[in-house]
């Protein structure tokens, strides 16, 4: 599991898994674990995306809770969202079907062709959700 704190109200979480089907039970179990790790309370919107390489969660705080221990979620499952793999090494992403270049780094679209570099994910980061806005607007498609 990799947790990125985007800001005080937004978290990006990548969880490697072997699940073929994304179910609410799997997401709920993972979110309860994340709640304990991050000490979350309040109301959150969670956008879940399952790719072959794992589960991607974007957790966005919508409002504070009425009580200290309040934790409420609205989970949206959207497997059509784009996820990119960011790296400084072009040779890691050269076999991927869509490659972008932005701010000195290469971004490869995580799709079925991504399996070739699955064992090399420690050499980069996954980018998805709100972090993609400036990338997609300003990148150069290779």
Foldseek 3Di string as FASTA:
>chain_A
DDWDDPDPFKIKDWDFDQDPDDDPVVVVVVVVVVCVVVVDAAEWEWEWEQANGTIIIMIGHDGGDPDSRHYYYDYHYDNPFWKWWKALDCVLQVQAPKWWDDDNIIIGTRHPSNVVNSVVSVRTDMDGDPRCPVVVVDIHID
